[in-house]
């Protein structure tokens, strides 16, 4: 399943972005907003934004959006790494 969003021409024209950057920037904004609300995981937000792991990791940091990483996640990662 794929979802398509329709942005009215009047809104697209009002955006202060070059036309060639609009779609990519909107996808990044959507991904970050959904990640910040806990709706998407970091990996899925990366997929929506179309960014690499490092590049995508910078965006929430610049906006002071905390990573969703708990002590249990750290424990699981350390256990996995020791295998």
PDB file of N, CA and C in Angstrom:
ATOM      1  N   UNK A   1       0.848  -1.181   0.000  1.00  0.00           N
ATOM      2  CA  UNK A   1       0.000   0.000   0.000  1.00  0.00           C
ATOM      3  C   UNK A   1       0.890   1.239   0.000  1.00  0.00           C
ATOM      4  N   UNK A   2       0.494   2.207  -0.728  1.00  0.00           N
ATOM      5  CA  UNK A   2       1.206   3.475  -0.818  1.00  0.00           C
ATOM      6  C   UNK A   2       0.200   4.592  -0.586  1.00  0.00           C
ATOM      7  N   UNK A   3       0.632   5.635   0.100  1.00  0.00           N
ATOM      8  CA  UNK A   3      -0.230   6.789   0.361  1.00  0.00           C
ATOM      9  C   UNK A   3       0.328   7.983  -0.390  1.00  0.00           C
ATOM     10  N   UNK A   4      -0.526   8.673  -1.081  1.00  0.00           N
ATOM     11  CA  UNK A   4      -0.112   9.893  -1.778  1.00  0.00           C
ATOM     12  C   UNK A   4      -0.803  11.081  -1.122  1.00  0.00           C
ATOM     13  N   UNK A   5      -0.037  12.116  -0.866  1.00  0.00           N
ATOM     14  CA  UNK A   5      -0.588  13.335  -0.291  1.00  0.00           C
ATOM     15  C   UNK A   5      -0.687  14.394  -1.377  1.00  0.00           C
ATOM     16  N   UNK A   6      -1.749  15.137  -1.348  1.00  0.00           N
ATOM     17  CA  UNK A   6      -1.951  16.211  -2.318  1.00  0.00           C
ATOM     18  C   UNK A   6      -1.697  17.540  -1.624  1.00  0.00           C
ATOM     19  N   UNK A   7      -0.751  18.300  -2.137  1.00  0.00           N
ATOM     20  CA  UNK A   7      -0.466  19.637  -1.626  1.00  0.00           C
ATOM     21  C   UNK A   7      -1.019  20.619  -2.657  1.00  0.00           C
ATOM     22  N   UNK A   8      -1.939  21.487  -2.250  1.00  0.00           N
ATOM     23  CA  UNK A   8      -2.505  22.439  -3.219  1.00  0.00           C
ATOM     24  C   UNK A   8      -1.416  23.296  -3.857  1.00  0.00           C
ATOM     25  N   UNK A   9      -1.617  23.634  -5.115  1.00  0.00           N
ATOM     26  CA  UNK A   9      -0.653  24.465  -5.837  1.00  0.00           C
ATOM     27  C   UNK A   9      -0.370  25.770  -5.096  1.00  0.00           C
ATOM     28  N   UNK A  10      -1.404  26.349  -4.507  1.00  0.00           N
ATOM     29  CA  UNK A  10      -1.209  27.630  -3.811  1.00  0.00           C
ATOM     30  C   UNK A  10      -0.253  27.468  -2.624  1.00  0.00           C
ATOM     31  N   UNK A  11      -0.302  26.323  -1.966  1.00  0.00           N
ATOM     32  CA  UNK A  11       0.605  26.064  -0.842  1.00  0.00           C
ATOM     33  C   UNK A  11       2.016  25.808  -1.362  1.00  0.00           C
ATOM     34  N   UNK A  12       2.136  24.994  -2.396  1.00  0.00           N
ATOM     35  CA  UNK A  12       3.450  24.694  -2.971  1.00  0.00           C
ATOM     36  C   UNK A  12       4.131  25.976  -3.451  1.00  0.00           C
ATOM     37  N   UNK A  13       3.370  26.863  -4.051  1.00  0.00           N
ATOM     38  CA  UNK A  13       3.940  28.116  -4.548  1.00  0.00           C
ATOM     39  C   UNK A  13       4.335  29.052  -3.412  1.00  0.00           C
ATOM     40  N   UNK A  14       3.670  28.928  -2.272  1.00  0.00           N
ATOM     41  CA  UNK A  14       3.955  29.793  -1.121  1.00  0.00           C
ATOM     42  C   UNK A  14       5.154  29.300  -0.307  1.00  0.00           C
ATOM     43  N   UNK A  15       5.563  28.056  -0.524  1.00  0.00           N
ATOM     44  CA  UNK A  15       6.696  27.517   0.232  1.00  0.00           C
ATOM     45  C   UNK A  15       7.972  28.246  -0.162  1.00  0.00           C
ATOM     46  N   UNK A  16       8.761  28.563   0.819  1.00  0.00           N
ATOM     47  CA  UNK A  16      10.018  29.286   0.572  1.00  0.00           C
ATOM     48  C   UNK A  16      11.154  28.301   0.323  1.00  0.00           C
ATOM     49  N   UNK A  17      10.936  27.453  -0.648  1.00  0.00           N
ATOM     50  CA  UNK A  17      11.917  26.451  -1.061  1.00  0.00           C
ATOM     51  C   UNK A  17      11.942  26.392  -2.581  1.00  0.00           C
ATOM     52  N   UNK A  18      13.106  26.098  -3.144  1.00  0.00           N
ATOM     53  CA  UNK A  18      13.135  25.881  -4.593  1.00  0.00           C
ATOM     54  C   UNK A  18      12.228  24.705  -4.952  1.00  0.00           C
ATOM     55  N   UNK A  19      11.516  24.779  -6.060  1.00  0.00           N
ATOM     56  CA  UNK A  19      10.592  23.711  -6.442  1.00  0.00           C
ATOM     57  C   UNK A  19      11.213  22.317  -6.432  1.00  0.00           C
ATOM     58  N   UNK A  20      12.481  22.210  -6.813  1.00  0.00           N
ATOM     59  CA  UNK A  20      13.112  20.885  -6.849  1.00  0.00           C
ATOM     60  C   UNK A  20      13.396  20.319  -5.467  1.00  0.00           C
ATOM     61  N   UNK A  21      13.354  21.142  -4.424  1.00  0.00           N
ATOM     62  CA  UNK A  21      13.618  20.683  -3.054  1.00  0.00           C
ATOM     63  C   UNK A  21      12.341  20.448  -2.257  1.00  0.00           C
ATOM     64  N   UNK A  22      11.218  20.874  -2.768  1.00  0.00           N
ATOM     65  CA  UNK A  22       9.977  20.833  -1.999  1.00  0.00           C
ATOM     66  C   UNK A  22       9.586  19.424  -1.567  1.00  0.00           C
ATOM     67  N   UNK A  23       9.557  18.482  -2.482  1.00  0.00           N
ATOM     68  CA  UNK A  23       9.108  17.138  -2.135  1.00  0.00           C
ATOM     69  C   UNK A  23      10.029  16.504  -1.091  1.00  0.00           C
ATOM     70  N   UNK A  24      11.337  16.592  -1.302  1.00  0.00           N
ATOM     71  CA  UNK A  24      12.281  16.004  -0.352  1.00  0.00           C
ATOM     72  C   UNK A  24      12.137  16.640   1.025  1.00  0.00           C
ATOM     73  N   UNK A  25      12.022  17.955   1.070  1.00  0.00           N
ATOM     74  CA  UNK A  25      11.911  18.639   2.360  1.00  0.00           C
ATOM     75  C   UNK A  25      10.611  18.280   3.061  1.00  0.00           C
ATOM     76  N   UNK A  26       9.534  18.156   2.318  1.00  0.00           N
ATOM     77  CA  UNK A  26       8.256  17.748   2.924  1.00  0.00           C
ATOM     78  C   UNK A  26       8.345  16.331   3.486  1.00  0.00           C
ATOM     79  N   UNK A  27       9.038  15.445   2.803  1.00  0.00           N
ATOM     80  CA  UNK A  27       9.194  14.077   3.299  1.00  0.00           C
ATOM     81  C   UNK A  27      10.025  14.053   4.582  1.00  0.00           C
ATOM     82  N   UNK A  28      11.058  14.881   4.642  1.00  0.00           N
ATOM     83  CA  UNK A  28      11.871  14.976   5.859  1.00  0.00           C
ATOM     84  C   UNK A  28      11.027  15.521   7.004  1.00  0.00           C
ATOM     85  N   UNK A  29      10.262  16.561   6.738  1.00  0.00           N
ATOM     86  CA  UNK A  29       9.416  17.158   7.778  1.00  0.00           C
ATOM     87  C   UNK A  29       8.389  16.157   8.298  1.00  0.00           C
ATOM     88  N   UNK A  30       7.775  15.415   7.396  1.00  0.00           N
ATOM     89  CA  UNK A  30       6.801  14.401   7.786  1.00  0.00           C
ATOM     90  C   UNK A  30       7.470  13.325   8.630  1.00  0.00           C
ATOM     91  N   UNK A  31       8.616  12.848   8.189  1.00  0.00           N
ATOM     92  CA  UNK A  31       9.328  11.795   8.911  1.00  0.00           C
ATOM     93  C   UNK A  31       9.710  12.238  10.321  1.00  0.00           C
ATOM     94  N   UNK A  32      10.243  13.447  10.436  1.00  0.00           N
ATOM     95  CA  UNK A  32      10.662  13.956  11.743  1.00  0.00           C
ATOM     96  C   UNK A  32       9.457  14.145  12.666  1.00  0.00           C
ATOM     97  N   UNK A  33       8.380  14.673  12.141  1.00  0.00           N
ATOM     98  CA  UNK A  33       7.183  14.886  12.959  1.00  0.00           C
ATOM     99  C   UNK A  33       6.618  13.565  13.464  1.00  0.00           C
ATOM    100  N   UNK A  34       6.567  12.564  12.597  1.00  0.00           N
ATOM    101  CA  UNK A  34       6.021  11.269  13.013  1.00  0.00           C
ATOM    102  C   UNK A  34       6.957  10.559  13.990  1.00  0.00           C
ATOM    103  N   UNK A  35       8.254  10.706  13.801  1.00  0.00           N
ATOM    104  CA  UNK A  35       9.220  10.131  14.743  1.00  0.00           C
ATOM    105  C   UNK A  35       9.105  10.808  16.110  1.00  0.00           C
ATOM    106  N   UNK A  36       9.029  12.145  16.120  1.00  0.00           N
ATOM    107  CA  UNK A  36       8.945  12.896  17.371  1.00  0.00           C
ATOM    108  C   UNK A  36       7.712  12.502  18.177  1.00  0.00           C
ATOM    109  N   UNK A  37       6.635  12.166  17.499  1.00  0.00           N
ATOM    110  CA  UNK A  37       5.392  11.774  18.180  1.00  0.00           C
ATOM    111  C   UNK A  37       5.362  10.295  18.537  1.00  0.00           C
ATOM    112  N   UNK A  38       6.398   9.556  18.163  1.00  0.00           N
ATOM    113  CA  UNK A  38       6.441   8.137  18.477  1.00  0.00           C
ATOM    114  C   UNK A  38       5.619   7.276  17.538  1.00  0.00           C
ATOM    115  N   UNK A  39       5.215   7.836  16.417  1.00  0.00           N
ATOM    116  CA  UNK A  39       4.396   7.106  15.448  1.00  0.00           C
ATOM    117  C   UNK A  39       5.272   6.234  14.550  1.00  0.00           C
ATOM    118  N   UNK A  40       6.492   6.707  14.263  1.00  0.00           N
ATOM    119  CA  UNK A  40       7.433   5.941  13.443  1.00  0.00           C
ATOM    120  C   UNK A  40       8.712   5.682  14.219  1.00  0.00           C
ATOM    121  N   UNK A  41       9.305   4.537  13.974  1.00  0.00           N
ATOM    122  CA  UNK A  41      10.627   4.248  14.519  1.00  0.00           C
ATOM    123  C   UNK A  41      11.654   5.068  13.750  1.00  0.00           C
ATOM    124  N   UNK A  42      12.874   5.118  14.271  1.00  0.00           N
ATOM    125  CA  UNK A  42      13.933   5.849  13.592  1.00  0.00           C
ATOM    126  C   UNK A  42      14.180   5.266  12.202  1.00  0.00           C
ATOM    127  N   UNK A  43      14.222   3.951  12.099  1.00  0.00           N
ATOM    128  CA  UNK A  43      14.474   3.306  10.812  1.00  0.00           C
ATOM    129  C   UNK A  43      13.401   3.617   9.782  1.00  0.00           C
ATOM    130  N   UNK A  44      12.158   3.593  10.205  1.00  0.00           N
ATOM    131  CA  UNK A  44      11.063   3.898   9.277  1.00  0.00           C
ATOM    132  C   UNK A  44      11.030   5.388   8.935  1.00  0.00           C
ATOM    133  N   UNK A  45      11.391   6.234   9.889  1.00  0.00           N
ATOM    134  CA  UNK A  45      11.476   7.671   9.600  1.00  0.00           C
ATOM    135  C   UNK A  45      12.566   7.914   8.555  1.00  0.00           C
ATOM    136  N   UNK A  46      13.684   7.202   8.683  1.00  0.00           N
ATOM    137  CA  UNK A  46      14.756   7.298   7.683  1.00  0.00           C
ATOM    138  C   UNK A  46      14.242   6.901   6.308  1.00  0.00           C
ATOM    139  N   UNK A  47      13.451   5.851   6.283  1.00  0.00           N
ATOM    140  CA  UNK A  47      12.908   5.363   5.012  1.00  0.00           C
ATOM    141  C   UNK A  47      12.002   6.420   4.371  1.00  0.00           C
ATOM    142  N   UNK A  48      11.131   7.024   5.165  1.00  0.00           N
ATOM    143  CA  UNK A  48      10.239   8.066   4.652  1.00  0.00           C
ATOM    144  C   UNK A  48      11.045   9.263   4.154  1.00  0.00           C
ATOM    145  N   UNK A  49      12.042   9.663   4.940  1.00  0.00           N
ATOM    146  CA  UNK A  49      12.843  10.848   4.595  1.00  0.00           C
ATOM    147  C   UNK A  49      13.794  10.589   3.437  1.00  0.00           C
ATOM    148  N   UNK A  50      14.107   9.316   3.208  1.00  0.00           N
ATOM    149  CA  UNK A  50      15.054   9.001   2.141  1.00  0.00           C
ATOM    150  C   UNK A  50      16.472   9.436   2.471  1.00  0.00           C
ATOM    151  N   UNK A  51      16.822   9.357   3.761  1.00  0.00           N
ATOM    152  CA  UNK A  51      18.135   9.785   4.216  1.00  0.00           C
ATOM    153  C   UNK A  51      18.924   8.605   4.765  1.00  0.00           C
ATOM    154  N   UNK A  52      20.228   8.744   4.776  1.00  0.00           N
ATOM    155  CA  UNK A  52      21.097   7.757   5.389  1.00  0.00           C
ATOM    156  C   UNK A  52      21.015   7.848   6.905  1.00  0.00           C
ATOM    157  N   UNK A  53      21.569   6.837   7.580  1.00  0.00           N
ATOM    158  CA  UNK A  53      21.487   6.766   9.040  1.00  0.00           C
ATOM    159  C   UNK A  53      22.121   7.991   9.707  1.00  0.00           C
ATOM    160  N   UNK A  54      23.330   8.336   9.300  1.00  0.00           N
ATOM    161  CA  UNK A  54      24.019   9.473   9.911  1.00  0.00           C
ATOM    162  C   UNK A  54      23.282  10.779   9.614  1.00  0.00           C
ATOM    163  N   UNK A  55      22.961  10.975   8.343  1.00  0.00           N
ATOM    164  CA  UNK A  55      22.283  12.197   7.908  1.00  0.00           C
ATOM    165  C   UNK A  55      20.941  12.371   8.616  1.00  0.00           C
ATOM    166  N   UNK A  56      20.199  11.291   8.729  1.00  0.00           N
ATOM    167  CA  UNK A  56      18.893  11.353   9.382  1.00  0.00           C
ATOM    168  C   UNK A  56      19.043  11.569  10.885  1.00  0.00           C
ATOM    169  N   UNK A  57      20.098  11.032  11.471  1.00  0.00           N
ATOM    170  CA  UNK A  57      20.322  11.207  12.899  1.00  0.00           C
ATOM    171  C   UNK A  57      20.608  12.647  13.285  1.00  0.00           C
ATOM    172  N   UNK A  58      21.124  13.430  12.361  1.00  0.00           N
ATOM    173  CA  UNK A  58      21.418  14.835  12.642  1.00  0.00           C
ATOM    174  C   UNK A  58      20.155  15.684  12.762  1.00  0.00           C
ATOM    175  N   UNK A  59      19.126  15.335  12.015  1.00  0.00           N
ATOM    176  CA  UNK A  59      17.926  16.178  11.952  1.00  0.00           C
ATOM    177  C   UNK A  59      17.238  16.288  13.314  1.00  0.00           C
ATOM    178  N   UNK A  60      16.903  15.175  13.987  1.00  0.00           N
ATOM    179  CA  UNK A  60      16.269  15.329  15.314  1.00  0.00           C
ATOM    180  C   UNK A  60      17.184  16.037  16.316  1.00  0.00           C
ATOM    181  N   UNK A  61      18.481  15.771  16.219  1.00  0.00           N
ATOM    182  CA  UNK A  61      19.417  16.420  17.129  1.00  0.00           C
ATOM    183  C   UNK A  61      19.413  17.928  16.985  1.00  0.00           C
ATOM    184  N   UNK A  62      19.368  18.414  15.760  1.00  0.00           N
ATOM    185  CA  UNK A  62      19.334  19.851  15.508  1.00  0.00           C
ATOM    186  C   UNK A  62      18.059  20.494  16.033  1.00  0.00           C
ATOM    187  N   UNK A  63      17.015  19.676  16.174  1.00  0.00           N
ATOM    188  CA  UNK A  63      15.716  20.204  16.611  1.00  0.00           C
ATOM    189  C   UNK A  63      15.411  19.839  18.066  1.00  0.00           C
ATOM    190  N   UNK A  64      16.396  19.316  18.756  1.00  0.00           N
ATOM    191  CA  UNK A  64      16.248  18.914  20.171  1.00  0.00           C
ATOM    192  C   UNK A  64      15.137  17.890  20.374  1.00  0.00           C
ATOM    193  N   UNK A  65      14.979  16.995  19.419  1.00  0.00           N
ATOM    194  CA  UNK A  65      14.014  15.908  19.534  1.00  0.00           C
ATOM    195  C   UNK A  65      14.766  14.716  20.124  1.00  0.00           C
ATOM    196  N   UNK A  66      14.360  14.256  21.311  1.00  0.00           N
ATOM    197  CA  UNK A  66      15.100  13.149  21.940  1.00  0.00           C
ATOM    198  C   UNK A  66      14.952  11.850  21.156  1.00  0.00           C
ATOM    199  N   UNK A  67      16.037  11.082  21.147  1.00  0.00           N
ATOM    200  CA  UNK A  67      16.000   9.758  20.516  1.00  0.00           C
ATOM    201  C   UNK A  67      15.161   8.835  21.388  1.00  0.00           C
ATOM    202  N   UNK A  68      14.451   7.949  20.769  1.00  0.00           N
ATOM    203  CA  UNK A  68      13.638   6.963  21.479  1.00  0.00           C
ATOM    204  C   UNK A  68      14.521   5.746  21.740  1.00  0.00           C
ATOM    205  N   UNK A  69      15.331   5.837  22.772  1.00  0.00           N
ATOM    206  CA  UNK A  69      16.296   4.792  23.084  1.00  0.00           C
ATOM    207  C   UNK A  69      16.320   4.644  24.598  1.00  0.00           C
ATOM    208  N   UNK A  70      15.854   3.505  25.062  1.00  0.00           N
ATOM    209  CA  UNK A  70      15.720   3.295  26.501  1.00  0.00           C
ATOM    210  C   UNK A  70      16.903   2.501  27.048  1.00  0.00           C
ATOM    211  N   UNK A  71      16.944   2.396  28.366  1.00  0.00           N
ATOM    212  CA  UNK A  71      17.964   1.579  29.024  1.00  0.00           C
ATOM    213  C   UNK A  71      17.825   0.124  28.581  1.00  0.00           C
ATOM    214  N   UNK A  72      16.612  -0.332  28.370  1.00  0.00           N
ATOM    215  CA  UNK A  72      16.391  -1.700  27.879  1.00  0.00           C
ATOM    216  C   UNK A  72      16.970  -1.876  26.477  1.00  0.00           C
ATOM    217  N   UNK A  73      16.825  -0.860  25.627  1.00  0.00           N
ATOM    218  CA  UNK A  73      17.408  -0.918  24.289  1.00  0.00           C
ATOM    219  C   UNK A  73      18.927  -1.031  24.376  1.00  0.00           C
ATOM    220  N   UNK A  74      19.534  -0.256  25.277  1.00  0.00           N
ATOM    221  CA  UNK A  74      20.981  -0.314  25.463  1.00  0.00           C
ATOM    222  C   UNK A  74      21.404  -1.702  25.923  1.00  0.00           C
ATOM    223  N   UNK A  75      20.679  -2.238  26.885  1.00  0.00           N
ATOM    224  CA  UNK A  75      20.982  -3.579  27.382  1.00  0.00           C
ATOM    225  C   UNK A  75      20.900  -4.607  26.246  1.00  0.00           C
ATOM    226  N   UNK A  76      19.863  -4.523  25.451  1.00  0.00           N
ATOM    227  CA  UNK A  76      19.703  -5.448  24.314  1.00  0.00           C
ATOM    228  C   UNK A  76      20.855  -5.296  23.317  1.00  0.00           C
ATOM    229  N   UNK A  77      21.252  -4.061  23.047  1.00  0.00           N
ATOM    230  CA  UNK A  77      22.353  -3.836  22.113  1.00  0.00           C
ATOM    231  C   UNK A  77      23.674  -4.375  22.634  1.00  0.00           C
ATOM    232  N   UNK A  78      23.930  -4.173  23.931  1.00  0.00           N
ATOM    233  CA  UNK A  78      25.172  -4.684  24.524  1.00  0.00           C
ATOM    234  C   UNK A  78      25.165  -6.204  24.516  1.00  0.00           C
ATOM    235  N   UNK A  79      24.040  -6.801  24.849  1.00  0.00           N
ATOM    236  CA  UNK A  79      23.935  -8.266  24.827  1.00  0.00           C
ATOM    237  C   UNK A  79      24.170  -8.793  23.426  1.00  0.00           C
ATOM    238  N   UNK A  80      23.584  -8.157  22.451  1.00  0.00           N
ATOM    239  CA  UNK A  80      23.772  -8.578  21.059  1.00  0.00           C
ATOM    240  C   UNK A  80      25.220  -8.427  20.629  1.00  0.00           C
ATOM    241  N   UNK A  81      25.851  -7.332  21.011  1.00  0.00           N
ATOM    242  CA  UNK A  81      27.232  -7.072  20.610  1.00  0.00           C
ATOM    243  C   UNK A  81      28.206  -8.078  21.222  1.00  0.00           C
ATOM    244  N   UNK A  82      27.866  -8.600  22.382  1.00  0.00           N
ATOM    245  CA  UNK A  82      28.763  -9.567  23.056  1.00  0.00           C
ATOM    246  C   UNK A  82      28.674 -10.962  22.467  1.00  0.00           C
ATOM    247  N   UNK A  83      27.726 -11.217  21.640  1.00  0.00           N
ATOM    248  CA  UNK A  83      27.580 -12.552  21.039  1.00  0.00           C
ATOM    249  C   UNK A  83      28.627 -12.827  20.015  1.00  0.00           C
TER     250      UNK A  83
END
